[in-house]
Amino acid sequence: GITTGWGAEPYAHRIPDTDATVTRKLRAAGAVLLGKTTLG
């Protein structure tokens, strides 16, 4: 439900309907997601 745009114009509005494994693991560890950091 949160934009995951891969840093690239063709995917700037890409919104996945599942979480990556890393996303799930960090949530399970109690980490708090501030946001999505940029990539080239």
PDB file of all heavy atoms in Angstrom:
ATOM      1  N   GLY A   1       0.777  -1.220   0.000  1.00  0.00           N
ATOM      2  CA  GLY A   1       0.000   0.000   0.000  1.00  0.00           C
ATOM      3  C   GLY A   1       0.811   1.274   0.000  1.00  0.00           C
ATOM      4  O   GLY A   1       0.237   2.368   0.049  1.00  0.00           O
ATOM      5  N   ILE A   2       2.129   1.168  -0.078  1.00  0.00           N
ATOM      6  CA  ILE A   2       3.015   2.334  -0.063  1.00  0.00           C
ATOM      7  C   ILE A   2       3.858   2.325  -1.334  1.00  0.00           C
ATOM      8  O   ILE A   2       4.428   1.297  -1.713  1.00  0.00           O
ATOM      9  CB  ILE A   2       3.934   2.310   1.177  1.00  0.00           C
ATOM     10  CG1 ILE A   2       3.107   2.303   2.468  1.00  0.00           C
ATOM     11  CG2 ILE A   2       4.892   3.502   1.171  1.00  0.00           C
ATOM     12  CD1 ILE A   2       3.917   2.008   3.708  1.00  0.00           C
ATOM     13  N   THR A   3       3.943   3.467  -1.980  1.00  0.00           N
ATOM     14  CA  THR A   3       4.684   3.567  -3.231  1.00  0.00           C
ATOM     15  C   THR A   3       6.081   2.988  -3.093  1.00  0.00           C
ATOM     16  O   THR A   3       6.814   3.289  -2.146  1.00  0.00           O
ATOM     17  CB  THR A   3       4.793   5.045  -3.664  1.00  0.00           C
ATOM     18  OG1 THR A   3       3.477   5.567  -3.864  1.00  0.00           O
ATOM     19  CG2 THR A   3       5.581   5.169  -4.964  1.00  0.00           C
ATOM     20  N   THR A   4       6.436   2.134  -4.032  1.00  0.00           N
ATOM     21  CA  THR A   4       7.782   1.568  -4.131  1.00  0.00           C
ATOM     22  C   THR A   4       8.219   1.791  -5.571  1.00  0.00           C
ATOM     23  O   THR A   4       7.924   0.988  -6.457  1.00  0.00           O
ATOM     24  CB  THR A   4       7.780   0.067  -3.766  1.00  0.00           C
ATOM     25  OG1 THR A   4       7.255  -0.092  -2.438  1.00  0.00           O
ATOM     26  CG2 THR A   4       9.182  -0.512  -3.823  1.00  0.00           C
ATOM     27  N   GLY A   5       8.902   2.904  -5.809  1.00  0.00           N
ATOM     28  CA  GLY A   5       9.111   3.391  -7.175  1.00  0.00           C
ATOM     29  C   GLY A   5      10.432   3.053  -7.812  1.00  0.00           C
ATOM     30  O   GLY A   5      10.685   3.478  -8.947  1.00  0.00           O
ATOM     31  N   TRP A   6      11.314   2.344  -7.107  1.00  0.00           N
ATOM     32  CA  TRP A   6      12.588   1.901  -7.673  1.00  0.00           C
ATOM     33  C   TRP A   6      13.439   3.067  -8.188  1.00  0.00           C
ATOM     34  O   TRP A   6      14.372   2.859  -8.968  1.00  0.00           O
ATOM     35  CB  TRP A   6      12.378   0.888  -8.789  1.00  0.00           C
ATOM     36  CG  TRP A   6      11.661  -0.361  -8.375  1.00  0.00           C
ATOM     37  CD1 TRP A   6      11.318  -0.749  -7.113  1.00  0.00           C
ATOM     38  CD2 TRP A   6      11.203  -1.413  -9.237  1.00  0.00           C
ATOM     39  NE1 TRP A   6      10.681  -1.965  -7.120  1.00  0.00           N
ATOM     40  CE2 TRP A   6      10.591  -2.399  -8.421  1.00  0.00           C
ATOM     41  CE3 TRP A   6      11.251  -1.630 -10.606  1.00  0.00           C
ATOM     42  CZ2 TRP A   6      10.039  -3.569  -8.937  1.00  0.00           C
ATOM     43  CZ3 TRP A   6      10.691  -2.785 -11.118  1.00  0.00           C
ATOM     44  CH2 TRP A   6      10.101  -3.747 -10.294  1.00  0.00           C
ATOM     45  N   GLY A   7      13.113   4.292  -7.790  1.00  0.00           N
ATOM     46  CA  GLY A   7      13.885   5.456  -8.192  1.00  0.00           C
ATOM     47  C   GLY A   7      13.681   5.890  -9.630  1.00  0.00           C
ATOM     48  O   GLY A   7      14.293   6.866 -10.078  1.00  0.00           O
ATOM     49  N   ALA A   8      12.817   5.199 -10.369  1.00  0.00           N
ATOM     50  CA  ALA A   8      12.741   5.374 -11.822  1.00  0.00           C
ATOM     51  C   ALA A   8      11.365   5.849 -12.270  1.00  0.00           C
ATOM     52  O   ALA A   8      10.337   5.373 -11.781  1.00  0.00           O
ATOM     53  CB  ALA A   8      13.082   4.055 -12.522  1.00  0.00           C
ATOM     54  N   GLU A   9      11.349   6.753 -13.225  1.00  0.00           N
ATOM     55  CA  GLU A   9      10.107   7.355 -13.702  1.00  0.00           C
ATOM     56  C   GLU A   9       9.033   6.348 -14.107  1.00  0.00           C
ATOM     57  O   GLU A   9       7.850   6.544 -13.754  1.00  0.00           O
ATOM     58  CB  GLU A   9      10.420   8.298 -14.880  1.00  0.00           C
ATOM     59  CG  GLU A   9      11.079   9.607 -14.493  1.00  0.00           C
ATOM     60  CD  GLU A   9      12.582   9.486 -14.238  1.00  0.00           C
ATOM     61  OE1 GLU A   9      13.120   8.334 -14.301  1.00  0.00           O
ATOM     62  OE2 GLU A   9      13.228  10.510 -13.985  1.00  0.00           O
ATOM     63  N   PRO A  10       9.350   5.280 -14.811  1.00  0.00           N
ATOM     64  CA  PRO A  10       8.277   4.361 -15.217  1.00  0.00           C
ATOM     65  C   PRO A  10       7.573   3.684 -14.038  1.00  0.00           C
ATOM     66  O   PRO A  10       6.467   3.151 -14.207  1.00  0.00           O
ATOM     67  CB  PRO A  10       9.009   3.319 -16.077  1.00  0.00           C
ATOM     68  CG  PRO A  10      10.250   4.005 -16.539  1.00  0.00           C
ATOM     69  CD  PRO A  10      10.644   4.892 -15.409  1.00  0.00           C
ATOM     70  N   TYR A  11       8.202   3.693 -12.862  1.00  0.00           N
ATOM     71  CA  TYR A  11       7.643   2.990 -11.704  1.00  0.00           C
ATOM     72  C   TYR A  11       7.295   3.944 -10.558  1.00  0.00           C
ATOM     73  O   TYR A  11       7.031   3.504  -9.440  1.00  0.00           O
ATOM     74  CB  TYR A  11       8.643   1.939 -11.208  1.00  0.00           C
ATOM     75  CG  TYR A  11       9.134   1.033 -12.302  1.00  0.00           C
ATOM     76  CD1 TYR A  11      10.388   1.218 -12.877  1.00  0.00           C
ATOM     77  CD2 TYR A  11       8.337   0.002 -12.794  1.00  0.00           C
ATOM     78  CE1 TYR A  11      10.838   0.403 -13.900  1.00  0.00           C
ATOM     79  CE2 TYR A  11       8.776  -0.818 -13.820  1.00  0.00           C
ATOM     80  CZ  TYR A  11      10.023  -0.614 -14.368  1.00  0.00           C
ATOM     81  OH  TYR A  11      10.461  -1.427 -15.382  1.00  0.00           O
ATOM     82  N   ALA A  12       7.267   5.227 -10.847  1.00  0.00           N
ATOM     83  CA  ALA A  12       7.087   6.233  -9.797  1.00  0.00           C
ATOM     84  C   ALA A  12       5.760   6.091  -9.056  1.00  0.00           C
ATOM     85  O   ALA A  12       5.642   6.539  -7.911  1.00  0.00           O
ATOM     86  CB  ALA A  12       7.201   7.636 -10.399  1.00  0.00           C
ATOM     87  N   HIS A  13       4.779   5.484  -9.690  1.00  0.00           N
ATOM     88  CA  HIS A  13       3.465   5.326  -9.044  1.00  0.00           C
ATOM     89  C   HIS A  13       3.157   3.858  -8.757  1.00  0.00           C
ATOM     90  O   HIS A  13       1.991   3.483  -8.574  1.00  0.00           O
ATOM     91  CB  HIS A  13       2.381   5.936  -9.933  1.00  0.00           C
ATOM     92  CG  HIS A  13       2.637   7.384 -10.251  1.00  0.00           C
ATOM     93  ND1 HIS A  13       2.571   8.380  -9.296  1.00  0.00           N
ATOM     94  CD2 HIS A  13       2.990   7.992 -11.416  1.00  0.00           C
ATOM     95  CE1 HIS A  13       2.856   9.542  -9.857  1.00  0.00           C
ATOM     96  NE2 HIS A  13       3.112   9.335 -11.142  1.00  0.00           N
ATOM     97  N   ARG A  14       4.177   3.053  -8.686  1.00  0.00           N
ATOM     98  CA  ARG A  14       4.013   1.620  -8.420  1.00  0.00           C
ATOM     99  C   ARG A  14       3.684   1.402  -6.942  1.00  0.00           C
ATOM    100  O   ARG A  14       4.445   1.800  -6.063  1.00  0.00           O
ATOM    101  CB  ARG A  14       5.297   0.883  -8.806  1.00  0.00           C
ATOM    102  CG  ARG A  14       5.286  -0.601  -8.545  1.00  0.00           C
ATOM    103  CD  ARG A  14       6.637  -1.227  -8.923  1.00  0.00           C
ATOM    104  NE  ARG A  14       6.669  -2.644  -8.566  1.00  0.00           N
ATOM    105  CZ  ARG A  14       6.985  -3.105  -7.365  1.00  0.00           C
ATOM    106  NH1 ARG A  14       7.302  -2.259  -6.407  1.00  0.00           N
ATOM    107  NH2 ARG A  14       6.983  -4.389  -7.115  1.00  0.00           N
ATOM    108  N   ILE A  15       2.553   0.752  -6.658  1.00  0.00           N
ATOM    109  CA  ILE A  15       2.141   0.487  -5.278  1.00  0.00           C
ATOM    110  C   ILE A  15       1.932  -1.018  -5.122  1.00  0.00           C
ATOM    111  O   ILE A  15       0.968  -1.576  -5.650  1.00  0.00           O
ATOM    112  CB  ILE A  15       0.860   1.249  -4.914  1.00  0.00           C
ATOM    113  CG1 ILE A  15       1.078   2.753  -5.067  1.00  0.00           C
ATOM    114  CG2 ILE A  15       0.437   0.918  -3.478  1.00  0.00           C
ATOM    115  CD1 ILE A  15      -0.160   3.588  -4.783  1.00  0.00           C
ATOM    116  N   PRO A  16       2.816  -1.705  -4.428  1.00  0.00           N
ATOM    117  CA  PRO A  16       2.694  -3.161  -4.267  1.00  0.00           C
ATOM    118  C   PRO A  16       1.584  -3.520  -3.286  1.00  0.00           C
ATOM    119  O   PRO A  16       1.186  -2.709  -2.446  1.00  0.00           O
ATOM    120  CB  PRO A  16       4.060  -3.563  -3.718  1.00  0.00           C
ATOM    121  CG  PRO A  16       4.556  -2.346  -3.015  1.00  0.00           C
ATOM    122  CD  PRO A  16       4.027  -1.172  -3.787  1.00  0.00           C
ATOM    123  N   ASP A  17       1.102  -4.747  -3.387  1.00  0.00           N
ATOM    124  CA  ASP A  17       0.051  -5.197  -2.472  1.00  0.00           C
ATOM    125  C   ASP A  17       0.566  -6.212  -1.458  1.00  0.00           C
ATOM    126  O   ASP A  17      -0.209  -6.815  -0.721  1.00  0.00           O
ATOM    127  CB  ASP A  17      -1.144  -5.775  -3.242  1.00  0.00           C
ATOM    128  CG  ASP A  17      -0.743  -6.888  -4.204  1.00  0.00           C
ATOM    129  OD1 ASP A  17       0.394  -7.386  -4.098  1.00  0.00           O
ATOM    130  OD2 ASP A  17      -1.573  -7.264  -5.053  1.00  0.00           O
ATOM    131  N   THR A  18       1.880  -6.408  -1.434  1.00  0.00           N
ATOM    132  CA  THR A  18       2.501  -7.285  -0.434  1.00  0.00           C
ATOM    133  C   THR A  18       3.777  -6.628   0.071  1.00  0.00           C
ATOM    134  O   THR A  18       4.283  -5.671  -0.527  1.00  0.00           O
ATOM    135  CB  THR A  18       2.844  -8.671  -1.013  1.00  0.00           C
ATOM    136  OG1 THR A  18       3.738  -8.498  -2.123  1.00  0.00           O
ATOM    137  CG2 THR A  18       1.601  -9.416  -1.465  1.00  0.00           C
ATOM    138  N   ASP A  19       4.298  -7.163   1.166  1.00  0.00           N
ATOM    139  CA  ASP A  19       5.550  -6.676   1.739  1.00  0.00           C
ATOM    140  C   ASP A  19       6.712  -7.570   1.317  1.00  0.00           C
ATOM    141  O   ASP A  19       6.560  -8.790   1.155  1.00  0.00           O
ATOM    142  CB  ASP A  19       5.491  -6.678   3.269  1.00  0.00           C
ATOM    143  CG  ASP A  19       4.615  -5.566   3.831  1.00  0.00           C
ATOM    144  OD1 ASP A  19       4.640  -4.456   3.261  1.00  0.00           O
ATOM    145  OD2 ASP A  19       3.930  -5.816   4.844  1.00  0.00           O
ATOM    146  N   ALA A  20       7.873  -6.968   1.175  1.00  0.00           N
ATOM    147  CA  ALA A  20       9.096  -7.747   0.984  1.00  0.00           C
ATOM    148  C   ALA A  20       9.418  -8.502   2.266  1.00  0.00           C
ATOM    149  O   ALA A  20       8.985  -8.139   3.362  1.00  0.00           O
ATOM    150  CB  ALA A  20      10.251  -6.811   0.620  1.00  0.00           C
ATOM    151  N   THR A  21      10.197  -9.555   2.136  1.00  0.00           N
ATOM    152  CA  THR A  21      10.601 -10.326   3.312  1.00  0.00           C
ATOM    153  C   THR A  21      11.332  -9.448   4.319  1.00  0.00           C
ATOM    154  O   THR A  21      11.087  -9.534   5.530  1.00  0.00           O
ATOM    155  CB  THR A  21      11.503 -11.498   2.896  1.00  0.00           C
ATOM    156  OG1 THR A  21      10.756 -12.396   2.068  1.00  0.00           O
ATOM    157  CG2 THR A  21      12.011 -12.265   4.104  1.00  0.00           C
ATOM    158  N   VAL A  22      12.214  -8.589   3.868  1.00  0.00           N
ATOM    159  CA  VAL A  22      12.946  -7.696   4.775  1.00  0.00           C
ATOM    160  C   VAL A  22      11.980  -6.778   5.511  1.00  0.00           C
ATOM    161  O   VAL A  22      12.135  -6.525   6.719  1.00  0.00           O
ATOM    162  CB  VAL A  22      14.007  -6.891   3.995  1.00  0.00           C
ATOM    163  CG1 VAL A  22      14.502  -5.716   4.810  1.00  0.00           C
ATOM    164  CG2 VAL A  22      15.180  -7.784   3.609  1.00  0.00           C
ATOM    165  N   THR A  23      10.982  -6.279   4.821  1.00  0.00           N
ATOM    166  CA  THR A  23       9.976  -5.418   5.455  1.00  0.00           C
ATOM    167  C   THR A  23       9.280  -6.164   6.582  1.00  0.00           C
ATOM    168  O   THR A  23       9.102  -5.637   7.698  1.00  0.00           O
ATOM    169  CB  THR A  23       8.930  -4.953   4.426  1.00  0.00           C
ATOM    170  OG1 THR A  23       9.603  -4.419   3.269  1.00  0.00           O
ATOM    171  CG2 THR A  23       8.004  -3.910   5.004  1.00  0.00           C
ATOM    172  N   ARG A  24       8.876  -7.399   6.312  1.00  0.00           N
ATOM    173  CA  ARG A  24       8.190  -8.204   7.338  1.00  0.00           C
ATOM    174  C   ARG A  24       9.102  -8.524   8.508  1.00  0.00           C
ATOM    175  O   ARG A  24       8.682  -8.473   9.677  1.00  0.00           O
ATOM    176  CB  ARG A  24       7.653  -9.496   6.719  1.00  0.00           C
ATOM    177  CG  ARG A  24       6.562  -9.299   5.673  1.00  0.00           C
ATOM    178  CD  ARG A  24       5.807 -10.607   5.424  1.00  0.00           C
ATOM    179  NE  ARG A  24       6.707 -11.687   5.013  1.00  0.00           N
ATOM    180  CZ  ARG A  24       7.031 -11.944   3.749  1.00  0.00           C
ATOM    181  NH1 ARG A  24       6.531 -11.194   2.773  1.00  0.00           N
ATOM    182  NH2 ARG A  24       7.832 -12.961   3.456  1.00  0.00           N
ATOM    183  N   LYS A  25      10.340  -8.868   8.223  1.00  0.00           N
ATOM    184  CA  LYS A  25      11.272  -9.215   9.299  1.00  0.00           C
ATOM    185  C   LYS A  25      11.533  -8.028  10.223  1.00  0.00           C
ATOM    186  O   LYS A  25      11.588  -8.180  11.457  1.00  0.00           O
ATOM    187  CB  LYS A  25      12.592  -9.723   8.703  1.00  0.00           C
ATOM    188  CG  LYS A  25      12.556 -11.178   8.241  1.00  0.00           C
ATOM    189  CD  LYS A  25      13.902 -11.594   7.678  1.00  0.00           C
ATOM    190  CE  LYS A  25      13.951 -13.099   7.416  1.00  0.00           C
ATOM    191  NZ  LYS A  25      14.127 -13.871   8.659  1.00  0.00           N
ATOM    192  N   LEU A  26      11.682  -6.859   9.655  1.00  0.00           N
ATOM    193  CA  LEU A  26      11.947  -5.691  10.486  1.00  0.00           C
ATOM    194  C   LEU A  26      10.721  -5.304  11.306  1.00  0.00           C
ATOM    195  O   LEU A  26      10.848  -4.877  12.463  1.00  0.00           O
ATOM    196  CB  LEU A  26      12.415  -4.521   9.621  1.00  0.00           C
ATOM    197  CG  LEU A  26      13.841  -4.690   9.073  1.00  0.00           C
ATOM    198  CD1 LEU A  26      14.154  -3.626   8.037  1.00  0.00           C
ATOM    199  CD2 LEU A  26      14.862  -4.640  10.211  1.00  0.00           C
ATOM    200  N   ARG A  27       9.531  -5.474  10.734  1.00  0.00           N
ATOM    201  CA  ARG A  27       8.321  -5.217  11.515  1.00  0.00           C
ATOM    202  C   ARG A  27       8.233  -6.204  12.687  1.00  0.00           C
ATOM    203  O   ARG A  27       7.908  -5.828  13.813  1.00  0.00           O
ATOM    204  CB  ARG A  27       7.083  -5.315  10.636  1.00  0.00           C
ATOM    205  CG  ARG A  27       5.784  -4.945  11.383  1.00  0.00           C
ATOM    206  CD  ARG A  27       4.546  -5.126  10.529  1.00  0.00           C
ATOM    207  NE  ARG A  27       4.610  -4.319   9.326  1.00  0.00           N
ATOM    208  CZ  ARG A  27       4.639  -4.810   8.091  1.00  0.00           C
ATOM    209  NH1 ARG A  27       4.622  -6.127   7.903  1.00  0.00           N
ATOM    210  NH2 ARG A  27       4.690  -4.013   7.055  1.00  0.00           N
ATOM    211  N   ALA A  28       8.547  -7.470  12.403  1.00  0.00           N
ATOM    212  CA  ALA A  28       8.503  -8.476  13.460  1.00  0.00           C
ATOM    213  C   ALA A  28       9.534  -8.196  14.553  1.00  0.00           C
ATOM    214  O   ALA A  28       9.337  -8.571  15.714  1.00  0.00           O
ATOM    215  CB  ALA A  28       8.733  -9.863  12.866  1.00  0.00           C
ATOM    216  N   ALA A  29      10.643  -7.537  14.181  1.00  0.00           N
ATOM    217  CA  ALA A  29      11.681  -7.197  15.149  1.00  0.00           C
ATOM    218  C   ALA A  29      11.345  -5.937  15.939  1.00  0.00           C
ATOM    219  O   ALA A  29      12.093  -5.563  16.840  1.00  0.00           O
ATOM    220  CB  ALA A  29      13.017  -7.013  14.436  1.00  0.00           C
ATOM    221  N   GLY A  30      10.231  -5.264  15.570  1.00  0.00           N
ATOM    222  CA  GLY A  30       9.806  -4.083  16.295  1.00  0.00           C
ATOM    223  C   GLY A  30      10.278  -2.770  15.727  1.00  0.00           C
ATOM    224  O   GLY A  30      10.020  -1.710  16.307  1.00  0.00           O
ATOM    225  N   ALA A  31      10.974  -2.803  14.590  1.00  0.00           N
ATOM    226  CA  ALA A  31      11.457  -1.559  13.993  1.00  0.00           C
ATOM    227  C   ALA A  31      10.287  -0.751  13.428  1.00  0.00           C
ATOM    228  O   ALA A  31       9.274  -1.305  13.001  1.00  0.00           O
ATOM    229  CB  ALA A  31      12.469  -1.858  12.895  1.00  0.00           C
ATOM    230  N   VAL A  32      10.448   0.563  13.428  1.00  0.00           N
ATOM    231  CA  VAL A  32       9.403   1.508  13.025  1.00  0.00           C
ATOM    232  C   VAL A  32       9.789   2.138  11.687  1.00  0.00           C
ATOM    233  O   VAL A  32      10.844   2.769  11.567  1.00  0.00           O
ATOM    234  CB  VAL A  32       9.229   2.595  14.101  1.00  0.00           C
ATOM    235  CG1 VAL A  32       8.296   3.694  13.625  1.00  0.00           C
ATOM    236  CG2 VAL A  32       8.726   1.974  15.403  1.00  0.00           C
ATOM    237  N   LEU A  33       8.933   1.973  10.684  1.00  0.00           N
ATOM    238  CA  LEU A  33       9.236   2.465   9.337  1.00  0.00           C
ATOM    239  C   LEU A  33       8.948   3.959   9.228  1.00  0.00           C
ATOM    240  O   LEU A  33       7.784   4.383   9.262  1.00  0.00           O
ATOM    241  CB  LEU A  33       8.418   1.695   8.293  1.00  0.00           C
ATOM    242  CG  LEU A  33       8.627   2.115   6.834  1.00  0.00           C
ATOM    243  CD1 LEU A  33      10.071   1.855   6.398  1.00  0.00           C
ATOM    244  CD2 LEU A  33       7.655   1.390   5.919  1.00  0.00           C
ATOM    245  N   LEU A  34      10.004   4.767   9.065  1.00  0.00           N
ATOM    246  CA  LEU A  34       9.866   6.206   8.871  1.00  0.00           C
ATOM    247  C   LEU A  34       9.497   6.542   7.432  1.00  0.00           C
ATOM    248  O   LEU A  34       8.811   7.539   7.181  1.00  0.00           O
ATOM    249  CB  LEU A  34      11.173   6.912   9.209  1.00  0.00           C
ATOM    250  CG  LEU A  34      11.588   6.931  10.677  1.00  0.00           C
ATOM    251  CD1 LEU A  34      13.039   7.367  10.801  1.00  0.00           C
ATOM    252  CD2 LEU A  34      10.684   7.851  11.487  1.00  0.00           C
ATOM    253  N   GLY A  35       9.961   5.731   6.485  1.00  0.00           N
ATOM    254  CA  GLY A  35       9.676   6.001   5.083  1.00  0.00           C
ATOM    255  C   GLY A  35      10.612   5.246   4.173  1.00  0.00           C
ATOM    256  O   GLY A  35      11.439   4.434   4.610  1.00  0.00           O
ATOM    257  N   LYS A  36      10.469   5.524   2.888  1.00  0.00           N
ATOM    258  CA  LYS A  36      11.246   4.859   1.847  1.00  0.00           C
ATOM    259  C   LYS A  36      12.379   5.785   1.406  1.00  0.00           C
ATOM    260  O   LYS A  36      12.142   6.890   0.926  1.00  0.00           O
ATOM    261  CB  LYS A  36      10.350   4.503   0.656  1.00  0.00           C
ATOM    262  CG  LYS A  36       9.077   3.726   1.034  1.00  0.00           C
ATOM    263  CD  LYS A  36       9.382   2.391   1.656  1.00  0.00           C
ATOM    264  CE  LYS A  36       9.954   1.419   0.660  1.00  0.00           C
ATOM    265  NZ  LYS A  36       9.010   1.026  -0.411  1.00  0.00           N
ATOM    266  N   THR A  37      13.612   5.313   1.577  1.00  0.00           N
ATOM    267  CA  THR A  37      14.770   6.113   1.196  1.00  0.00           C
ATOM    268  C   THR A  37      15.051   5.982  -0.296  1.00  0.00           C
ATOM    269  O   THR A  37      14.788   4.960  -0.913  1.00  0.00           O
ATOM    270  CB  THR A  37      16.009   5.691   2.003  1.00  0.00           C
ATOM    271  OG1 THR A  37      16.194   4.282   1.891  1.00  0.00           O
ATOM    272  CG2 THR A  37      15.840   6.071   3.475  1.00  0.00           C
ATOM    273  N   THR A  38      15.613   7.031  -0.848  1.00  0.00           N
ATOM    274  CA  THR A  38      15.795   7.121  -2.291  1.00  0.00           C
ATOM    275  C   THR A  38      16.898   6.191  -2.787  1.00  0.00           C
ATOM    276  O   THR A  38      17.801   5.802  -2.049  1.00  0.00           O
ATOM    277  CB  THR A  38      16.155   8.557  -2.705  1.00  0.00           C
ATOM    278  OG1 THR A  38      17.384   8.922  -2.055  1.00  0.00           O
ATOM    279  CG2 THR A  38      15.066   9.527  -2.314  1.00  0.00           C
ATOM    280  N   LEU A  39      16.800   5.858  -4.059  1.00  0.00           N
ATOM    281  CA  LEU A  39      17.875   5.169  -4.756  1.00  0.00           C
ATOM    282  C   LEU A  39      17.999   5.774  -6.135  1.00  0.00           C
ATOM    283  O   LEU A  39      17.018   6.255  -6.710  1.00  0.00           O
ATOM    284  CB  LEU A  39      17.606   3.667  -4.875  1.00  0.00           C
ATOM    285  CG  LEU A  39      16.429   3.201  -5.722  1.00  0.00           C
ATOM    286  CD1 LEU A  39      16.718   1.836  -6.321  1.00  0.00           C
ATOM    287  CD2 LEU A  39      15.151   3.119  -4.889  1.00  0.00           C
ATOM    288  N   GLY A  40      19.222   5.782  -6.662  1.00  0.00           N
ATOM    289  CA  GLY A  40      19.375   6.152  -8.054  1.00  0.00           C
ATOM    290  C   GLY A  40      18.545   5.224  -8.912  1.00  0.00           C
ATOM    291  O   GLY A  40      18.379   4.043  -8.603  1.00  0.00           O
TER     292      GLY A  40
END
